[in-house]
Amino acid sequence: MLDLVTPPEPAPPPVGAPRTRTTTDAPDLRAEDRRCRLLLAAGLAAVAAGVLLITVGWVRVASVDLLALQLPYVVSCGLAGFGLVVTGVGFVHIGARRKDGLAQLAQLERTRWALARRPDHGGGGS
């Protein structure tokens, strides 16, 4: 007998066609959230280390009167500290954007699930 209620199984994609994401391919949101938290923590640690390095360089430069003796501290502490701060800010930015994306994806999944359960949208709602 012909079943008119259940949709037919989709045909497999042709060879070489790009894969589309299905519900079984959905990313593990907990693992992604851990990665985002790790990026945020690493970024904040890098910023703190950079500020500390700049402060140490500043204190060392302030204790030396000759310009020729100040330059090594400026180069080693100042530039390295600035590099750590910039890298840390980049990590924080990437982590925050990924976390926002995960929140949007979770909201989209909740909306899709709620719409699928509505009787007027073909879901099997009660």
PDB file of N, CA and C in Angstrom:
ATOM      1  N   MET A   1       0.841  -1.168   0.000  1.00  0.00           N
ATOM      2  CA  MET A   1       0.000   0.000   0.000  1.00  0.00           C
ATOM      3  C   MET A   1       0.890   1.238   0.000  1.00  0.00           C
ATOM      4  N   LEU A   2       0.494   2.264  -0.688  1.00  0.00           N
ATOM      5  CA  LEU A   2       1.250   3.497  -0.821  1.00  0.00           C
ATOM      6  C   LEU A   2       1.056   4.351   0.427  1.00  0.00           C
ATOM      7  N   ASP A   3       2.157   4.716   1.060  1.00  0.00           N
ATOM      8  CA  ASP A   3       2.103   5.535   2.271  1.00  0.00           C
ATOM      9  C   ASP A   3       2.237   6.994   1.870  1.00  0.00           C
ATOM     10  N   LEU A   4       1.175   7.782   2.056  1.00  0.00           N
ATOM     11  CA  LEU A   4       1.191   9.190   1.666  1.00  0.00           C
ATOM     12  C   LEU A   4       1.583  10.113   2.811  1.00  0.00           C
ATOM     13  N   VAL A   5       1.748   9.585   4.007  1.00  0.00           N
ATOM     14  CA  VAL A   5       2.063  10.412   5.163  1.00  0.00           C
ATOM     15  C   VAL A   5       3.569  10.550   5.358  1.00  0.00           C
ATOM     16  N   THR A   6       4.295   9.459   5.251  1.00  0.00           N
ATOM     17  CA  THR A   6       5.731   9.466   5.479  1.00  0.00           C
ATOM     18  C   THR A   6       6.441   9.917   4.213  1.00  0.00           C
ATOM     19  N   PRO A   7       7.315  10.936   4.321  1.00  0.00           N
ATOM     20  CA  PRO A   7       8.041  11.370   3.124  1.00  0.00           C
ATOM     21  C   PRO A   7       9.035  10.296   2.700  1.00  0.00           C
ATOM     22  N   PRO A   8       9.297  10.201   1.406  1.00  0.00           N
ATOM     23  CA  PRO A   8      10.248   9.191   0.928  1.00  0.00           C
ATOM     24  C   PRO A   8      11.660   9.545   1.358  1.00  0.00           C
ATOM     25  N   GLU A   9      12.506   8.530   1.432  1.00  0.00           N
ATOM     26  CA  GLU A   9      13.912   8.743   1.767  1.00  0.00           C
ATOM     27  C   GLU A   9      14.563   9.523   0.628  1.00  0.00           C
ATOM     28  N   PRO A  10      15.418  10.497   0.960  1.00  0.00           N
ATOM     29  CA  PRO A  10      16.084  11.240  -0.109  1.00  0.00           C
ATOM     30  C   PRO A  10      17.088  10.356  -0.840  1.00  0.00           C
ATOM     31  N   ALA A  11      17.238  10.634  -2.122  1.00  0.00           N
ATOM     32  CA  ALA A  11      18.196   9.885  -2.931  1.00  0.00           C
ATOM     33  C   ALA A  11      19.606  10.266  -2.500  1.00  0.00           C
ATOM     34  N   PRO A  12      20.562   9.323  -2.571  1.00  0.00           N
ATOM     35  CA  PRO A  12      21.940   9.671  -2.211  1.00  0.00           C
ATOM     36  C   PRO A  12      22.489  10.709  -3.188  1.00  0.00           C
ATOM     37  N   PRO A  13      23.388  11.574  -2.722  1.00  0.00           N
ATOM     38  CA  PRO A  13      23.939  12.589  -3.618  1.00  0.00           C
ATOM     39  C   PRO A  13      24.804  11.942  -4.688  1.00  0.00           C
ATOM     40  N   PRO A  14      24.907  12.592  -5.836  1.00  0.00           N
ATOM     41  CA  PRO A  14      25.767  12.052  -6.890  1.00  0.00           C
ATOM     42  C   PRO A  14      27.229  12.026  -6.453  1.00  0.00           C
ATOM     43  N   VAL A  15      28.000  11.184  -7.085  1.00  0.00           N
ATOM     44  CA  VAL A  15      29.413  11.064  -6.752  1.00  0.00           C
ATOM     45  C   VAL A  15      30.098  12.399  -7.020  1.00  0.00           C
ATOM     46  N   GLY A  16      30.877  12.855  -6.050  1.00  0.00           N
ATOM     47  CA  GLY A  16      31.610  14.112  -6.203  1.00  0.00           C
ATOM     48  C   GLY A  16      30.838  15.328  -5.736  1.00  0.00           C
ATOM     49  N   ALA A  17      29.560  15.175  -5.394  1.00  0.00           N
ATOM     50  CA  ALA A  17      28.772  16.309  -4.926  1.00  0.00           C
ATOM     51  C   ALA A  17      29.148  16.627  -3.485  1.00  0.00           C
ATOM     52  N   PRO A  18      29.104  17.904  -3.107  1.00  0.00           N
ATOM     53  CA  PRO A  18      29.437  18.238  -1.723  1.00  0.00           C
ATOM     54  C   PRO A  18      28.379  17.691  -0.774  1.00  0.00           C
ATOM     55  N   ARG A  19      28.845  17.270   0.417  1.00  0.00           N
ATOM     56  CA  ARG A  19      27.922  16.733   1.414  1.00  0.00           C
ATOM     57  C   ARG A  19      27.155  17.868   2.057  1.00  0.00           C
ATOM     58  N   THR A  20      25.905  17.620   2.337  1.00  0.00           N
ATOM     59  CA  THR A  20      25.115  18.581   3.094  1.00  0.00           C
ATOM     60  C   THR A  20      25.051  18.088   4.530  1.00  0.00           C
ATOM     61  N   ARG A  21      24.911  19.001   5.439  1.00  0.00           N
ATOM     62  CA  ARG A  21      24.889  18.657   6.859  1.00  0.00           C
ATOM     63  C   ARG A  21      23.517  18.113   7.233  1.00  0.00           C
ATOM     64  N   THR A  22      23.521  17.019   7.948  1.00  0.00           N
ATOM     65  CA  THR A  22      22.288  16.448   8.466  1.00  0.00           C
ATOM     66  C   THR A  22      22.312  16.559   9.975  1.00  0.00           C
ATOM     67  N   THR A  23      21.251  16.106  10.625  1.00  0.00           N
ATOM     68  CA  THR A  23      21.215  16.209  12.083  1.00  0.00           C
ATOM     69  C   THR A  23      22.275  15.329  12.728  1.00  0.00           C
ATOM     70  N   THR A  24      22.663  14.241  12.073  1.00  0.00           N
ATOM     71  CA  THR A  24      23.705  13.388  12.650  1.00  0.00           C
ATOM     72  C   THR A  24      25.086  14.009  12.473  1.00  0.00           C
ATOM     73  N   ASP A  25      25.212  14.954  11.517  1.00  0.00           N
ATOM     74  CA  ASP A  25      26.485  15.634  11.302  1.00  0.00           C
ATOM     75  C   ASP A  25      26.629  16.880  12.168  1.00  0.00           C
ATOM     76  N   ALA A  26      25.638  17.198  12.982  1.00  0.00           N
ATOM     77  CA  ALA A  26      25.674  18.423  13.768  1.00  0.00           C
ATOM     78  C   ALA A  26      26.891  18.408  14.694  1.00  0.00           C
ATOM     79  N   PRO A  27      27.511  19.574  14.858  1.00  0.00           N
ATOM     80  CA  PRO A  27      28.698  19.613  15.719  1.00  0.00           C
ATOM     81  C   PRO A  27      28.330  19.362  17.171  1.00  0.00           C
ATOM     82  N   ASP A  28      29.270  18.808  17.900  1.00  0.00           N
ATOM     83  CA  ASP A  28      29.081  18.598  19.324  1.00  0.00           C
ATOM     84  C   ASP A  28      29.233  19.958  20.002  1.00  0.00           C
ATOM     85  N   LEU A  29      28.117  20.539  20.432  1.00  0.00           N
ATOM     86  CA  LEU A  29      28.144  21.892  20.970  1.00  0.00           C
ATOM     87  C   LEU A  29      28.939  21.983  22.257  1.00  0.00           C
ATOM     88  N   ARG A  30      28.957  20.925  23.048  1.00  0.00           N
ATOM     89  CA  ARG A  30      29.734  20.965  24.295  1.00  0.00           C
ATOM     90  C   ARG A  30      31.228  21.031  23.999  1.00  0.00           C
ATOM     91  N   ALA A  31      31.687  20.241  23.036  1.00  0.00           N
ATOM     92  CA  ALA A  31      33.109  20.270  22.685  1.00  0.00           C
ATOM     93  C   ALA A  31      33.485  21.626  22.094  1.00  0.00           C
ATOM     94  N   GLU A  32      32.616  22.168  21.252  1.00  0.00           N
ATOM     95  CA  GLU A  32      32.883  23.487  20.675  1.00  0.00           C
ATOM     96  C   GLU A  32      32.898  24.561  21.763  1.00  0.00           C
ATOM     97  N   ASP A  33      31.992  24.436  22.746  1.00  0.00           N
ATOM     98  CA  ASP A  33      31.959  25.401  23.842  1.00  0.00           C
ATOM     99  C   ASP A  33      33.247  25.324  24.657  1.00  0.00           C
ATOM    100  N   ARG A  34      33.750  24.106  24.876  1.00  0.00           N
ATOM    101  CA  ARG A  34      35.029  23.960  25.597  1.00  0.00           C
ATOM    102  C   ARG A  34      36.158  24.619  24.819  1.00  0.00           C
ATOM    103  N   ARG A  35      36.151  24.462  23.491  1.00  0.00           N
ATOM    104  CA  ARG A  35      37.197  25.096  22.676  1.00  0.00           C
ATOM    105  C   ARG A  35      37.114  26.617  22.766  1.00  0.00           C
ATOM    106  N   CYS A  36      35.895  27.143  22.760  1.00  0.00           N
ATOM    107  CA  CYS A  36      35.719  28.589  22.884  1.00  0.00           C
ATOM    108  C   CYS A  36      36.220  29.084  24.228  1.00  0.00           C
ATOM    109  N   ARG A  37      35.883  28.356  25.283  1.00  0.00           N
ATOM    110  CA  ARG A  37      36.353  28.747  26.618  1.00  0.00           C
ATOM    111  C   ARG A  37      37.877  28.679  26.701  1.00  0.00           C
ATOM    112  N   LEU A  38      38.470  27.676  26.061  1.00  0.00           N
ATOM    113  CA  LEU A  38      39.925  27.551  26.051  1.00  0.00           C
ATOM    114  C   LEU A  38      40.558  28.731  25.307  1.00  0.00           C
ATOM    115  N   LEU A  39      39.979  29.112  24.172  1.00  0.00           N
ATOM    116  CA  LEU A  39      40.492  30.264  23.434  1.00  0.00           C
ATOM    117  C   LEU A  39      40.388  31.537  24.264  1.00  0.00           C
ATOM    118  N   LEU A  40      39.245  31.728  24.924  1.00  0.00           N
ATOM    119  CA  LEU A  40      39.069  32.915  25.764  1.00  0.00           C
ATOM    120  C   LEU A  40      40.078  32.928  26.911  1.00  0.00           C
ATOM    121  N   ALA A  41      40.270  31.785  27.561  1.00  0.00           N
ATOM    122  CA  ALA A  41      41.219  31.711  28.676  1.00  0.00           C
ATOM    123  C   ALA A  41      42.649  31.947  28.193  1.00  0.00           C
ATOM    124  N   ALA A  42      43.007  31.343  27.072  1.00  0.00           N
ATOM    125  CA  ALA A  42      44.356  31.541  26.529  1.00  0.00           C
ATOM    126  C   ALA A  42      44.566  32.998  26.133  1.00  0.00           C
ATOM    127  N   GLY A  43      43.543  33.606  25.559  1.00  0.00           N
ATOM    128  CA  GLY A  43      43.651  35.011  25.179  1.00  0.00           C
ATOM    129  C   GLY A  43      43.826  35.915  26.379  1.00  0.00           C
ATOM    130  N   LEU A  44      43.034  35.682  27.420  1.00  0.00           N
ATOM    131  CA  LEU A  44      43.159  36.506  28.619  1.00  0.00           C
ATOM    132  C   LEU A  44      44.507  36.293  29.298  1.00  0.00           C
ATOM    133  N   ALA A  45      45.007  35.060  29.293  1.00  0.00           N
ATOM    134  CA  ALA A  45      46.325  34.785  29.875  1.00  0.00           C
ATOM    135  C   ALA A  45      47.422  35.483  29.075  1.00  0.00           C
ATOM    136  N   ALA A  46      47.309  35.484  27.760  1.00  0.00           N
ATOM    137  CA  ALA A  46      48.314  36.147  26.921  1.00  0.00           C
ATOM    138  C   ALA A  46      48.292  37.660  27.141  1.00  0.00           C
ATOM    139  N   VAL A  47      47.090  38.232  27.256  1.00  0.00           N
ATOM    140  CA  VAL A  47      46.994  39.673  27.516  1.00  0.00           C
ATOM    141  C   VAL A  47      47.617  39.998  28.876  1.00  0.00           C
ATOM    142  N   ALA A  48      47.314  39.197  29.899  1.00  0.00           N
ATOM    143  CA  ALA A  48      47.878  39.439  31.229  1.00  0.00           C
ATOM    144  C   ALA A  48      49.406  39.309  31.206  1.00  0.00           C
ATOM    145  N   ALA A  49      49.917  38.293  30.522  1.00  0.00           N
ATOM    146  CA  ALA A  49      51.374  38.120  30.436  1.00  0.00           C
ATOM    147  C   ALA A  49      52.012  39.276  29.676  1.00  0.00           C
ATOM    148  N   GLY A  50      51.355  39.744  28.631  1.00  0.00           N
ATOM    149  CA  GLY A  50      51.877  40.878  27.873  1.00  0.00           C
ATOM    150  C   GLY A  50      51.927  42.153  28.694  1.00  0.00           C
ATOM    151  N   VAL A  51      50.856  42.414  29.450  1.00  0.00           N
ATOM    152  CA  VAL A  51      50.837  43.604  30.309  1.00  0.00           C
ATOM    153  C   VAL A  51      51.913  43.486  31.384  1.00  0.00           C
ATOM    154  N   LEU A  52      52.074  42.301  31.943  1.00  0.00           N
ATOM    155  CA  LEU A  52      53.118  42.090  32.944  1.00  0.00           C
ATOM    156  C   LEU A  52      54.506  42.323  32.349  1.00  0.00           C
ATOM    157  N   LEU A  53      54.727  41.823  31.150  1.00  0.00           N
ATOM    158  CA  LEU A  53      56.023  41.996  30.493  1.00  0.00           C
ATOM    159  C   LEU A  53      56.289  43.467  30.182  1.00  0.00           C
ATOM    160  N   ILE A  54      55.272  44.189  29.742  1.00  0.00           N
ATOM    161  CA  ILE A  54      55.434  45.625  29.477  1.00  0.00           C
ATOM    162  C   ILE A  54      55.761  46.364  30.777  1.00  0.00           C
ATOM    163  N   THR A  55      55.084  45.981  31.862  1.00  0.00           N
ATOM    164  CA  THR A  55      55.331  46.623  33.154  1.00  0.00           C
ATOM    165  C   THR A  55      56.764  46.357  33.636  1.00  0.00           C
ATOM    166  N   VAL A  56      57.221  45.123  33.501  1.00  0.00           N
ATOM    167  CA  VAL A  56      58.602  44.795  33.888  1.00  0.00           C
ATOM    168  C   VAL A  56      59.589  45.605  33.047  1.00  0.00           C
ATOM    169  N   GLY A  57      59.344  45.710  31.764  1.00  0.00           N
ATOM    170  CA  GLY A  57      60.214  46.508  30.898  1.00  0.00           C
ATOM    171  C   GLY A  57      60.220  47.972  31.286  1.00  0.00           C
ATOM    172  N   TRP A  58      59.053  48.483  31.626  1.00  0.00           N
ATOM    173  CA  TRP A  58      58.944  49.879  32.032  1.00  0.00           C
ATOM    174  C   TRP A  58      59.741  50.145  33.310  1.00  0.00           C
ATOM    175  N   VAL A  59      59.604  49.253  34.281  1.00  0.00           N
ATOM    176  CA  VAL A  59      60.341  49.412  35.536  1.00  0.00           C
ATOM    177  C   VAL A  59      61.843  49.342  35.278  1.00  0.00           C
ATOM    178  N   ARG A  60      62.281  48.420  34.429  1.00  0.00           N
ATOM    179  CA  ARG A  60      63.713  48.284  34.133  1.00  0.00           C
ATOM    180  C   ARG A  60      64.243  49.507  33.390  1.00  0.00           C
ATOM    181  N   VAL A  61      63.443  50.000  32.436  1.00  0.00           N
ATOM    182  CA  VAL A  61      63.881  51.180  31.679  1.00  0.00           C
ATOM    183  C   VAL A  61      63.967  52.393  32.604  1.00  0.00           C
ATOM    184  N   ALA A  62      63.027  52.509  33.531  1.00  0.00           N
ATOM    185  CA  ALA A  62      63.028  53.656  34.447  1.00  0.00           C
ATOM    186  C   ALA A  62      64.224  53.638  35.385  1.00  0.00           C
ATOM    187  N   SER A  63      64.805  52.475  35.629  1.00  0.00           N
ATOM    188  CA  SER A  63      65.936  52.395  36.555  1.00  0.00           C
ATOM    189  C   SER A  63      67.282  52.642  35.883  1.00  0.00           C
ATOM    190  N   VAL A  64      67.295  52.799  34.549  1.00  0.00           N
ATOM    191  CA  VAL A  64      68.543  52.997  33.809  1.00  0.00           C
ATOM    192  C   VAL A  64      68.504  54.378  33.158  1.00  0.00           C
ATOM    193  N   ASP A  65      69.610  55.131  33.292  1.00  0.00           N
ATOM    194  CA  ASP A  65      69.651  56.495  32.754  1.00  0.00           C
ATOM    195  C   ASP A  65      70.151  56.565  31.310  1.00  0.00           C
ATOM    196  N   LEU A  66      71.027  55.681  30.917  1.00  0.00           N
ATOM    197  CA  LEU A  66      71.606  55.745  29.576  1.00  0.00           C
ATOM    198  C   LEU A  66      70.662  55.116  28.541  1.00  0.00           C
ATOM    199  N   LEU A  67      70.478  55.849  27.440  1.00  0.00           N
ATOM    200  CA  LEU A  67      69.570  55.376  26.398  1.00  0.00           C
ATOM    201  C   LEU A  67      70.047  54.056  25.792  1.00  0.00           C
ATOM    202  N   ALA A  68      71.326  53.918  25.622  1.00  0.00           N
ATOM    203  CA  ALA A  68      71.863  52.693  25.035  1.00  0.00           C
ATOM    204  C   ALA A  68      71.578  51.470  25.903  1.00  0.00           C
ATOM    205  N   LEU A  69      71.476  51.665  27.211  1.00  0.00           N
ATOM    206  CA  LEU A  69      71.175  50.556  28.107  1.00  0.00           C
ATOM    207  C   LEU A  69      69.658  50.326  28.250  1.00  0.00           C
ATOM    208  N   GLN A  70      68.852  51.304  27.842  1.00  0.00           N
ATOM    209  CA  GLN A  70      67.399  51.160  27.912  1.00  0.00           C
ATOM    210  C   GLN A  70      66.840  50.378  26.725  1.00  0.00           C
ATOM    211  N   LEU A  71      67.507  50.472  25.584  1.00  0.00           N
ATOM    212  CA  LEU A  71      66.986  49.850  24.364  1.00  0.00           C
ATOM    213  C   LEU A  71      66.771  48.340  24.468  1.00  0.00           C
ATOM    214  N   PRO A  72      67.670  47.585  25.103  1.00  0.00           N
ATOM    215  CA  PRO A  72      67.398  46.146  25.207  1.00  0.00           C
ATOM    216  C   PRO A  72      66.105  45.833  25.962  1.00  0.00           C
ATOM    217  N   TYR A  73      65.816  46.623  26.994  1.00  0.00           N
ATOM    218  CA  TYR A  73      64.575  46.393  27.740  1.00  0.00           C
ATOM    219  C   TYR A  73      63.354  46.752  26.903  1.00  0.00           C
ATOM    220  N   VAL A  74      63.454  47.833  26.142  1.00  0.00           N
ATOM    221  CA  VAL A  74      62.334  48.237  25.275  1.00  0.00           C
ATOM    222  C   VAL A  74      62.072  47.164  24.228  1.00  0.00           C
ATOM    223  N   VAL A  75      63.146  46.662  23.632  1.00  0.00           N
ATOM    224  CA  VAL A  75      62.980  45.665  22.578  1.00  0.00           C
ATOM    225  C   VAL A  75      62.487  44.337  23.147  1.00  0.00           C
ATOM    226  N   SER A  76      63.149  43.857  24.188  1.00  0.00           N
ATOM    227  CA  SER A  76      62.800  42.530  24.693  1.00  0.00           C
ATOM    228  C   SER A  76      61.473  42.520  25.440  1.00  0.00           C
ATOM    229  N   CYS A  77      61.252  43.471  26.306  1.00  0.00           N
ATOM    230  CA  CYS A  77      60.024  43.467  27.107  1.00  0.00           C
ATOM    231  C   CYS A  77      58.880  44.196  26.409  1.00  0.00           C
ATOM    232  N   GLY A  78      59.166  45.349  25.877  1.00  0.00           N
ATOM    233  CA  GLY A  78      58.103  46.161  25.284  1.00  0.00           C
ATOM    234  C   GLY A  78      57.495  45.532  24.043  1.00  0.00           C
ATOM    235  N   LEU A  79      58.330  45.153  23.102  1.00  0.00           N
ATOM    236  CA  LEU A  79      57.809  44.578  21.857  1.00  0.00           C
ATOM    237  C   LEU A  79      57.218  43.185  22.067  1.00  0.00           C
ATOM    238  N   ALA A  80      57.876  42.388  22.896  1.00  0.00           N
ATOM    239  CA  ALA A  80      57.330  41.057  23.178  1.00  0.00           C
ATOM    240  C   ALA A  80      55.999  41.169  23.931  1.00  0.00           C
ATOM    241  N   GLY A  81      55.921  42.099  24.881  1.00  0.00           N
ATOM    242  CA  GLY A  81      54.674  42.316  25.610  1.00  0.00           C
ATOM    243  C   GLY A  81      53.569  42.804  24.697  1.00  0.00           C
ATOM    244  N   PHE A  82      53.898  43.721  23.790  1.00  0.00           N
ATOM    245  CA  PHE A  82      52.913  44.212  22.834  1.00  0.00           C
ATOM    246  C   PHE A  82      52.428  43.080  21.929  1.00  0.00           C
ATOM    247  N   GLY A  83      53.340  42.231  21.499  1.00  0.00           N
ATOM    248  CA  GLY A  83      52.956  41.084  20.674  1.00  0.00           C
ATOM    249  C   GLY A  83      52.030  40.130  21.416  1.00  0.00           C
ATOM    250  N   LEU A  84      52.316  39.891  22.684  1.00  0.00           N
ATOM    251  CA  LEU A  84      51.437  39.025  23.488  1.00  0.00           C
ATOM    252  C   LEU A  84      50.058  39.646  23.676  1.00  0.00           C
ATOM    253  N   VAL A  85      50.002  40.945  23.895  1.00  0.00           N
ATOM    254  CA  VAL A  85      48.706  41.616  24.060  1.00  0.00           C
ATOM    255  C   VAL A  85      47.895  41.512  22.777  1.00  0.00           C
ATOM    256  N   VAL A  86      48.516  41.775  21.633  1.00  0.00           N
ATOM    257  CA  VAL A  86      47.796  41.713  20.351  1.00  0.00           C
ATOM    258  C   VAL A  86      47.322  40.286  20.073  1.00  0.00           C
ATOM    259  N   THR A  87      48.183  39.309  20.322  1.00  0.00           N
ATOM    260  CA  THR A  87      47.799  37.914  20.120  1.00  0.00           C
ATOM    261  C   THR A  87      46.663  37.519  21.055  1.00  0.00           C
ATOM    262  N   GLY A  88      46.736  37.924  22.308  1.00  0.00           N
ATOM    263  CA  GLY A  88      45.688  37.617  23.273  1.00  0.00           C
ATOM    264  C   GLY A  88      44.365  38.243  22.898  1.00  0.00           C
ATOM    265  N   VAL A  89      44.389  39.488  22.445  1.00  0.00           N
ATOM    266  CA  VAL A  89      43.152  40.142  22.008  1.00  0.00           C
ATOM    267  C   VAL A  89      42.567  39.408  20.803  1.00  0.00           C
ATOM    268  N   GLY A  90      43.419  38.943  19.919  1.00  0.00           N
ATOM    269  CA  GLY A  90      42.939  38.161  18.776  1.00  0.00           C
ATOM    270  C   GLY A  90      42.278  36.865  19.212  1.00  0.00           C
ATOM    271  N   PHE A  91      42.880  36.178  20.163  1.00  0.00           N
ATOM    272  CA  PHE A  91      42.283  34.937  20.694  1.00  0.00           C
ATOM    273  C   PHE A  91      40.930  35.212  21.341  1.00  0.00           C
ATOM    274  N   VAL A  92      40.863  36.283  22.134  1.00  0.00           N
ATOM    275  CA  VAL A  92      39.599  36.623  22.792  1.00  0.00           C
ATOM    276  C   VAL A  92      38.536  36.950  21.746  1.00  0.00           C
ATOM    277  N   HIS A  93      38.918  37.687  20.721  1.00  0.00           N
ATOM    278  CA  HIS A  93      37.973  38.040  19.659  1.00  0.00           C
ATOM    279  C   HIS A  93      37.451  36.795  18.948  1.00  0.00           C
ATOM    280  N   ILE A  94      38.349  35.894  18.580  1.00  0.00           N
ATOM    281  CA  ILE A  94      37.934  34.674  17.887  1.00  0.00           C
ATOM    282  C   ILE A  94      37.057  33.810  18.791  1.00  0.00           C
ATOM    283  N   GLY A  95      37.448  33.666  20.058  1.00  0.00           N
ATOM    284  CA  GLY A  95      36.655  32.875  20.993  1.00  0.00           C
ATOM    285  C   GLY A  95      35.268  33.446  21.205  1.00  0.00           C
ATOM    286  N   ALA A  96      35.176  34.767  21.315  1.00  0.00           N
ATOM    287  CA  ALA A  96      33.867  35.404  21.519  1.00  0.00           C
ATOM    288  C   ALA A  96      32.986  35.247  20.288  1.00  0.00           C
ATOM    289  N   ARG A  97      33.574  35.385  19.103  1.00  0.00           N
ATOM    290  CA  ARG A  97      32.771  35.219  17.877  1.00  0.00           C
ATOM    291  C   ARG A  97      32.284  33.785  17.736  1.00  0.00           C
ATOM    292  N   ARG A  98      33.138  32.815  18.055  1.00  0.00           N
ATOM    293  CA  ARG A  98      32.707  31.418  17.986  1.00  0.00           C
ATOM    294  C   ARG A  98      31.609  31.134  18.998  1.00  0.00           C
ATOM    295  N   LYS A  99      31.739  31.700  20.196  1.00  0.00           N
ATOM    296  CA  LYS A  99      30.723  31.492  21.220  1.00  0.00           C
ATOM    297  C   LYS A  99      29.388  32.097  20.790  1.00  0.00           C
ATOM    298  N   ASP A 100      29.420  33.272  20.176  1.00  0.00           N
ATOM    299  CA  ASP A 100      28.197  33.874  19.648  1.00  0.00           C
ATOM    300  C   ASP A 100      27.589  33.006  18.550  1.00  0.00           C
ATOM    301  N   GLY A 101      28.435  32.468  17.689  1.00  0.00           N
ATOM    302  CA  GLY A 101      27.951  31.594  16.630  1.00  0.00           C
ATOM    303  C   GLY A 101      27.305  30.333  17.184  1.00  0.00           C
ATOM    304  N   LEU A 102      27.895  29.770  18.240  1.00  0.00           N
ATOM    305  CA  LEU A 102      27.306  28.591  18.873  1.00  0.00           C
ATOM    306  C   LEU A 102      25.961  28.918  19.509  1.00  0.00           C
ATOM    307  N   ALA A 103      25.859  30.102  20.113  1.00  0.00           N
ATOM    308  CA  ALA A 103      24.579  30.502  20.707  1.00  0.00           C
ATOM    309  C   ALA A 103      23.518  30.665  19.627  1.00  0.00           C
ATOM    310  N   GLN A 104      23.888  31.228  18.493  1.00  0.00           N
ATOM    311  CA  GLN A 104      22.942  31.366  17.383  1.00  0.00           C
ATOM    312  C   GLN A 104      22.544  30.002  16.832  1.00  0.00           C
ATOM    313  N   LEU A 105      23.509  29.097  16.727  1.00  0.00           N
ATOM    314  CA  LEU A 105      23.206  27.758  16.223  1.00  0.00           C
ATOM    315  C   LEU A 105      22.269  27.020  17.177  1.00  0.00           C
ATOM    316  N   ALA A 106      22.511  27.147  18.467  1.00  0.00           N
ATOM    317  CA  ALA A 106      21.639  26.495  19.451  1.00  0.00           C
ATOM    318  C   ALA A 106      20.230  27.076  19.383  1.00  0.00           C
ATOM    319  N   GLN A 107      20.120  28.397  19.229  1.00  0.00           N
ATOM    320  CA  GLN A 107      18.799  29.025  19.114  1.00  0.00           C
ATOM    321  C   GLN A 107      18.098  28.556  17.838  1.00  0.00           C
ATOM    322  N   LEU A 108      18.839  28.450  16.764  1.00  0.00           N
ATOM    323  CA  LEU A 108      18.262  27.973  15.501  1.00  0.00           C
ATOM    324  C   LEU A 108      17.765  26.537  15.630  1.00  0.00           C
ATOM    325  N   GLU A 109      18.542  25.690  16.318  1.00  0.00           N
ATOM    326  CA  GLU A 109      18.114  24.307  16.528  1.00  0.00           C
ATOM    327  C   GLU A 109      16.859  24.239  17.398  1.00  0.00           C
ATOM    328  N   ARG A 110      16.788  25.078  18.438  1.00  0.00           N
ATOM    329  CA  ARG A 110      15.586  25.099  19.273  1.00  0.00           C
ATOM    330  C   ARG A 110      14.371  25.564  18.485  1.00  0.00           C
ATOM    331  N   THR A 111      14.557  26.566  17.626  1.00  0.00           N
ATOM    332  CA  THR A 111      13.457  27.063  16.798  1.00  0.00           C
ATOM    333  C   THR A 111      13.021  25.993  15.800  1.00  0.00           C
ATOM    334  N   ARG A 112      13.986  25.329  15.177  1.00  0.00           N
ATOM    335  CA  ARG A 112      13.659  24.276  14.219  1.00  0.00           C
ATOM    336  C   ARG A 112      12.907  23.144  14.907  1.00  0.00           C
ATOM    337  N   TRP A 113      13.355  22.781  16.099  1.00  0.00           N
ATOM    338  CA  TRP A 113      12.699  21.710  16.846  1.00  0.00           C
ATOM    339  C   TRP A 113      11.280  22.115  17.219  1.00  0.00           C
ATOM    340  N   ALA A 114      11.096  23.365  17.672  1.00  0.00           N
ATOM    341  CA  ALA A 114       9.762  23.833  18.056  1.00  0.00           C
ATOM    342  C   ALA A 114       8.833  23.885  16.858  1.00  0.00           C
ATOM    343  N   LEU A 115       9.343  24.312  15.713  1.00  0.00           N
ATOM    344  CA  LEU A 115       8.502  24.362  14.513  1.00  0.00           C
ATOM    345  C   LEU A 115       8.155  22.966  14.018  1.00  0.00           C
ATOM    346  N   ALA A 116       9.076  22.029  14.164  1.00  0.00           N
ATOM    347  CA  ALA A 116       8.813  20.664  13.706  1.00  0.00           C
ATOM    348  C   ALA A 116       7.734  19.998  14.554  1.00  0.00           C
ATOM    349  N   ARG A 117       7.580  20.421  15.793  1.00  0.00           N
ATOM    350  CA  ARG A 117       6.582  19.821  16.679  1.00  0.00           C
ATOM    351  C   ARG A 117       5.192  20.426  16.475  1.00  0.00           C
ATOM    352  N   ARG A 118       5.092  21.535  15.780  1.00  0.00           N
ATOM    353  CA  ARG A 118       3.776  22.149  15.554  1.00  0.00           C
ATOM    354  C   ARG A 118       2.992  21.318  14.552  1.00  0.00           C
ATOM    355  N   PRO A 119       1.728  21.072  14.832  1.00  0.00           N
ATOM    356  CA  PRO A 119       0.913  20.249  13.931  1.00  0.00           C
ATOM    357  C   PRO A 119       0.743  20.874  12.545  1.00  0.00           C
ATOM    358  N   ASP A 120       0.687  22.179  12.450  1.00  0.00           N
ATOM    359  CA  ASP A 120       0.458  22.819  11.149  1.00  0.00           C
ATOM    360  C   ASP A 120       1.697  22.894  10.281  1.00  0.00           C
ATOM    361  N   HIS A 121       2.851  22.429  10.801  1.00  0.00           N
ATOM    362  CA  HIS A 121       4.083  22.416  10.015  1.00  0.00           C
ATOM    363  C   HIS A 121       4.566  21.008   9.692  1.00  0.00           C
ATOM    364  N   GLY A 122       3.729  20.059   9.845  1.00  0.00           N
ATOM    365  CA  GLY A 122       4.089  18.699   9.475  1.00  0.00           C
ATOM    366  C   GLY A 122       4.812  17.932  10.545  1.00  0.00           C
ATOM    367  N   GLY A 123       4.997  18.515  11.713  1.00  0.00           N
ATOM    368  CA  GLY A 123       5.646  17.783  12.796  1.00  0.00           C
ATOM    369  C   GLY A 123       4.633  16.876  13.468  1.00  0.00           C
ATOM    370  N   GLY A 124       5.089  16.049  14.314  1.00  0.00           N
ATOM    371  CA  GLY A 124       4.188  15.107  14.990  1.00  0.00           C
ATOM    372  C   GLY A 124       3.779  15.620  16.349  1.00  0.00           C
ATOM    373  N   GLY A 125       3.442  16.911  16.449  1.00  0.00           N
ATOM    374  CA  GLY A 125       3.115  17.508  17.744  1.00  0.00           C
ATOM    375  C   GLY A 125       1.864  16.913  18.358  1.00  0.00           C
ATOM    376  N   SER A 126       1.718  17.123  19.654  1.00  0.00           N
ATOM    377  CA  SER A 126       0.568  16.560  20.345  1.00  0.00           C
ATOM    378  C   SER A 126      -0.622  17.486  20.328  1.00  0.00           C
TER     379      SER A 126
END
